[in-house]
Amino acid sequence: MGYFVTDRVGLIIALFNTATFITLVYAFLRAVEERSRLLHALDKFYGPFLAPLRRILPAWRLDIATIIFAAVLQAAAFFIKRSRL
Protein backbone atom coordinates (compact mmCIF):
# COMPACT_ATOMS: atom_id res chain seq x y z
CA MET A 1 0.00 0.00 0.00
CA GLY A 2 1.44 3.33 -1.04
CA TYR A 3 0.98 6.81 0.30
CA PHE A 4 -1.62 7.80 -2.27
CA VAL A 5 -5.35 7.26 -1.97
CA THR A 6 -6.26 4.92 -4.81
CA ASP A 7 -9.62 3.48 -3.74
CA ARG A 8 -12.57 4.02 -1.39
CA VAL A 9 -10.98 2.25 1.54
CA GLY A 10 -7.86 4.38 1.22
CA LEU A 11 -10.03 7.50 1.18
CA ILE A 12 -11.87 6.38 4.32
CA ILE A 13 -8.58 5.71 6.10
CA ALA A 14 -7.25 9.11 5.01
CA LEU A 15 -10.41 10.76 6.38
CA PHE A 16 -10.02 8.94 9.70
CA ASN A 17 -6.38 10.04 9.92
CA THR A 18 -7.30 13.65 9.13
CA ALA A 19 -10.10 13.59 11.70
CA THR A 20 -7.67 12.20 14.28
CA PHE A 21 -5.17 14.98 13.60
CA ILE A 22 -7.85 17.66 13.91
CA THR A 23 -9.12 16.01 17.10
CA LEU A 24 -5.64 16.17 18.63
CA VAL A 25 -5.32 19.83 17.62
CA TYR A 26 -8.67 20.39 19.34
CA ALA A 27 -7.42 18.66 22.51
CA PHE A 28 -4.26 20.79 22.48
CA LEU A 29 -6.26 24.01 22.07
CA ARG A 30 -8.61 23.04 24.91
CA ALA A 31 -5.63 22.48 27.19
CA VAL A 32 -3.65 25.58 26.22
CA GLU A 33 -5.84 28.33 24.83
CA GLU A 34 -9.49 28.77 25.71
CA ARG A 35 -10.28 31.92 23.72
CA SER A 36 -9.28 30.77 20.26
CA ARG A 37 -11.68 31.15 17.34
CA LEU A 38 -10.48 27.82 15.98
CA LEU A 39 -11.30 26.18 19.32
CA HIS A 40 -14.85 27.53 19.23
CA ALA A 41 -15.33 26.35 15.64
CA LEU A 42 -14.00 22.88 16.46
CA ASP A 43 -16.08 22.77 19.64
CA LYS A 44 -19.25 23.27 17.62
CA PHE A 45 -18.33 20.27 15.49
CA TYR A 46 -16.80 17.91 18.08
CA GLY A 47 -18.95 18.92 21.06
CA PRO A 48 -21.93 16.69 20.21
CA PHE A 49 -19.67 13.68 19.60
CA LEU A 50 -17.78 14.15 22.85
CA ALA A 51 -20.69 15.12 25.14
CA PRO A 52 -21.60 11.51 26.13
CA LEU A 53 -17.97 10.71 26.99
CA ARG A 54 -17.56 13.94 28.96
CA ARG A 55 -20.58 13.06 31.10
CA ILE A 56 -18.95 9.76 32.07
CA LEU A 57 -15.30 10.80 32.46
CA PRO A 58 -13.95 13.16 35.12
CA ALA A 59 -13.10 16.75 34.13
CA TRP A 60 -9.35 17.37 34.12
CA ARG A 61 -7.20 20.04 32.53
CA LEU A 62 -6.50 17.62 29.66
CA ASP A 63 -9.68 16.49 27.96
CA ILE A 64 -9.55 12.70 28.22
CA ALA A 65 -12.72 12.28 26.13
CA THR A 66 -10.97 13.85 23.15
CA ILE A 67 -7.98 11.54 23.49
CA ILE A 68 -10.27 8.50 23.71
CA PHE A 69 -12.17 9.71 20.62
CA ALA A 70 -8.88 10.05 18.70
CA ALA A 71 -7.89 6.53 19.78
CA VAL A 72 -11.25 5.16 18.60
CA LEU A 73 -10.79 6.87 15.22
CA GLN A 74 -7.34 5.30 14.83
CA ALA A 75 -8.62 1.89 15.93
CA ALA A 76 -11.39 2.11 13.32
CA ALA A 77 -8.85 3.05 10.63
CA PHE A 78 -6.63 0.15 11.71
CA PHE A 79 -9.45 -2.41 11.54
CA ILE A 80 -10.64 -1.11 8.17
CA LYS A 81 -7.10 -1.42 6.83
CA ARG A 82 -6.68 -4.92 8.29
CA SER A 83 -10.02 -6.16 6.91
CA ARG A 84 -9.02 -5.04 3.43
CA LEU A 85 -5.80 -7.06 3.40
C-alpha atoms as a PDB file:
ATOM      1  CA  MET A   1       0.000   0.000   0.000  1.00  0.00           C
ATOM      2  CA  GLY A   2       1.437   3.330  -1.040  1.00  0.00           C
ATOM      3  CA  TYR A   3       0.984   6.806   0.303  1.00  0.00           C
ATOM      4  CA  PHE A   4      -1.623   7.803  -2.265  1.00  0.00           C
ATOM      5  CA  VAL A   5      -5.351   7.257  -1.975  1.00  0.00           C
ATOM      6  CA  THR A   6      -6.260   4.922  -4.808  1.00  0.00           C
ATOM      7  CA  ASP A   7      -9.617   3.483  -3.743  1.00  0.00           C
ATOM      8  CA  ARG A   8     -12.568   4.016  -1.394  1.00  0.00           C
ATOM      9  CA  VAL A   9     -10.976   2.248   1.544  1.00  0.00           C
ATOM     10  CA  GLY A  10      -7.862   4.380   1.224  1.00  0.00           C
ATOM     11  CA  LEU A  11     -10.029   7.496   1.177  1.00  0.00           C
ATOM     12  CA  ILE A  12     -11.865   6.383   4.321  1.00  0.00           C
ATOM     13  CA  ILE A  13      -8.577   5.708   6.098  1.00  0.00           C
ATOM     14  CA  ALA A  14      -7.254   9.112   5.012  1.00  0.00           C
ATOM     15  CA  LEU A  15     -10.406  10.763   6.380  1.00  0.00           C
ATOM     16  CA  PHE A  16     -10.015   8.939   9.701  1.00  0.00           C
ATOM     17  CA  ASN A  17      -6.378  10.039   9.917  1.00  0.00           C
ATOM     18  CA  THR A  18      -7.298  13.647   9.133  1.00  0.00           C
ATOM     19  CA  ALA A  19     -10.099  13.591  11.703  1.00  0.00           C
ATOM     20  CA  THR A  20      -7.665  12.197  14.277  1.00  0.00           C
ATOM     21  CA  PHE A  21      -5.166  14.975  13.604  1.00  0.00           C
ATOM     22  CA  ILE A  22      -7.849  17.655  13.906  1.00  0.00           C
ATOM     23  CA  THR A  23      -9.122  16.008  17.105  1.00  0.00           C
ATOM     24  CA  LEU A  24      -5.642  16.167  18.627  1.00  0.00           C
ATOM     25  CA  VAL A  25      -5.317  19.830  17.622  1.00  0.00           C
ATOM     26  CA  TYR A  26      -8.668  20.394  19.341  1.00  0.00           C
ATOM     27  CA  ALA A  27      -7.417  18.659  22.507  1.00  0.00           C
ATOM     28  CA  PHE A  28      -4.265  20.790  22.481  1.00  0.00           C
ATOM     29  CA  LEU A  29      -6.262  24.006  22.068  1.00  0.00           C
ATOM     30  CA  ARG A  30      -8.612  23.036  24.906  1.00  0.00           C
ATOM     31  CA  ALA A  31      -5.628  22.475  27.186  1.00  0.00           C
ATOM     32  CA  VAL A  32      -3.647  25.576  26.215  1.00  0.00           C
ATOM     33  CA  GLU A  33      -5.841  28.329  24.832  1.00  0.00           C
ATOM     34  CA  GLU A  34      -9.492  28.768  25.713  1.00  0.00           C
ATOM     35  CA  ARG A  35     -10.281  31.923  23.717  1.00  0.00           C
ATOM     36  CA  SER A  36      -9.279  30.771  20.262  1.00  0.00           C
ATOM     37  CA  ARG A  37     -11.682  31.151  17.336  1.00  0.00           C
ATOM     38  CA  LEU A  38     -10.485  27.824  15.984  1.00  0.00           C
ATOM     39  CA  LEU A  39     -11.299  26.180  19.317  1.00  0.00           C
ATOM     40  CA  HIS A  40     -14.846  27.526  19.235  1.00  0.00           C
ATOM     41  CA  ALA A  41     -15.332  26.353  15.638  1.00  0.00           C
ATOM     42  CA  LEU A  42     -14.005  22.876  16.459  1.00  0.00           C
ATOM     43  CA  ASP A  43     -16.079  22.772  19.643  1.00  0.00           C
ATOM     44  CA  LYS A  44     -19.251  23.274  17.619  1.00  0.00           C
ATOM     45  CA  PHE A  45     -18.330  20.265  15.489  1.00  0.00           C
ATOM     46  CA  TYR A  46     -16.802  17.910  18.079  1.00  0.00           C
ATOM     47  CA  GLY A  47     -18.945  18.919  21.059  1.00  0.00           C
ATOM     48  CA  PRO A  48     -21.933  16.693  20.211  1.00  0.00           C
ATOM     49  CA  PHE A  49     -19.670  13.679  19.599  1.00  0.00           C
ATOM     50  CA  LEU A  50     -17.784  14.150  22.853  1.00  0.00           C
ATOM     51  CA  ALA A  51     -20.688  15.123  25.145  1.00  0.00           C
ATOM     52  CA  PRO A  52     -21.598  11.514  26.130  1.00  0.00           C
ATOM     53  CA  LEU A  53     -17.969  10.715  26.991  1.00  0.00           C
ATOM     54  CA  ARG A  54     -17.562  13.944  28.958  1.00  0.00           C
ATOM     55  CA  ARG A  55     -20.575  13.056  31.097  1.00  0.00           C
ATOM     56  CA  ILE A  56     -18.945   9.759  32.072  1.00  0.00           C
ATOM     57  CA  LEU A  57     -15.302  10.799  32.463  1.00  0.00           C
ATOM     58  CA  PRO A  58     -13.946  13.161  35.124  1.00  0.00           C
ATOM     59  CA  ALA A  59     -13.103  16.745  34.130  1.00  0.00           C
ATOM     60  CA  TRP A  60      -9.352  17.367  34.118  1.00  0.00           C
ATOM     61  CA  ARG A  61      -7.195  20.038  32.525  1.00  0.00           C
ATOM     62  CA  LEU A  62      -6.498  17.617  29.663  1.00  0.00           C
ATOM     63  CA  ASP A  63      -9.680  16.490  27.957  1.00  0.00           C
ATOM     64  CA  ILE A  64      -9.550  12.700  28.225  1.00  0.00           C
ATOM     65  CA  ALA A  65     -12.718  12.279  26.132  1.00  0.00           C
ATOM     66  CA  THR A  66     -10.972  13.854  23.149  1.00  0.00           C
ATOM     67  CA  ILE A  67      -7.979  11.540  23.487  1.00  0.00           C
ATOM     68  CA  ILE A  68     -10.269   8.501  23.706  1.00  0.00           C
ATOM     69  CA  PHE A  69     -12.169   9.713  20.622  1.00  0.00           C
ATOM     70  CA  ALA A  70      -8.882  10.049  18.697  1.00  0.00           C
ATOM     71  CA  ALA A  71      -7.888   6.528  19.776  1.00  0.00           C
ATOM     72  CA  VAL A  72     -11.248   5.163  18.599  1.00  0.00           C
ATOM     73  CA  LEU A  73     -10.787   6.869  15.221  1.00  0.00           C
ATOM     74  CA  GLN A  74      -7.342   5.302  14.835  1.00  0.00           C
ATOM     75  CA  ALA A  75      -8.622   1.889  15.927  1.00  0.00           C
ATOM     76  CA  ALA A  76     -11.388   2.113  13.316  1.00  0.00           C
ATOM     77  CA  ALA A  77      -8.853   3.046  10.630  1.00  0.00           C
ATOM     78  CA  PHE A  78      -6.627   0.147  11.708  1.00  0.00           C
ATOM     79  CA  PHE A  79      -9.449  -2.412  11.544  1.00  0.00           C
ATOM     80  CA  ILE A  80     -10.636  -1.108   8.175  1.00  0.00           C
ATOM     81  CA  LYS A  81      -7.104  -1.421   6.832  1.00  0.00           C
ATOM     82  CA  ARG A  82      -6.675  -4.923   8.288  1.00  0.00           C
ATOM     83  CA  SER A  83     -10.016  -6.161   6.910  1.00  0.00           C
ATOM     84  CA  ARG A  84      -9.016  -5.039   3.426  1.00  0.00           C
ATOM     85  CA  LEU A  85      -5.801  -7.058   3.396  1.00  0.00           C
END
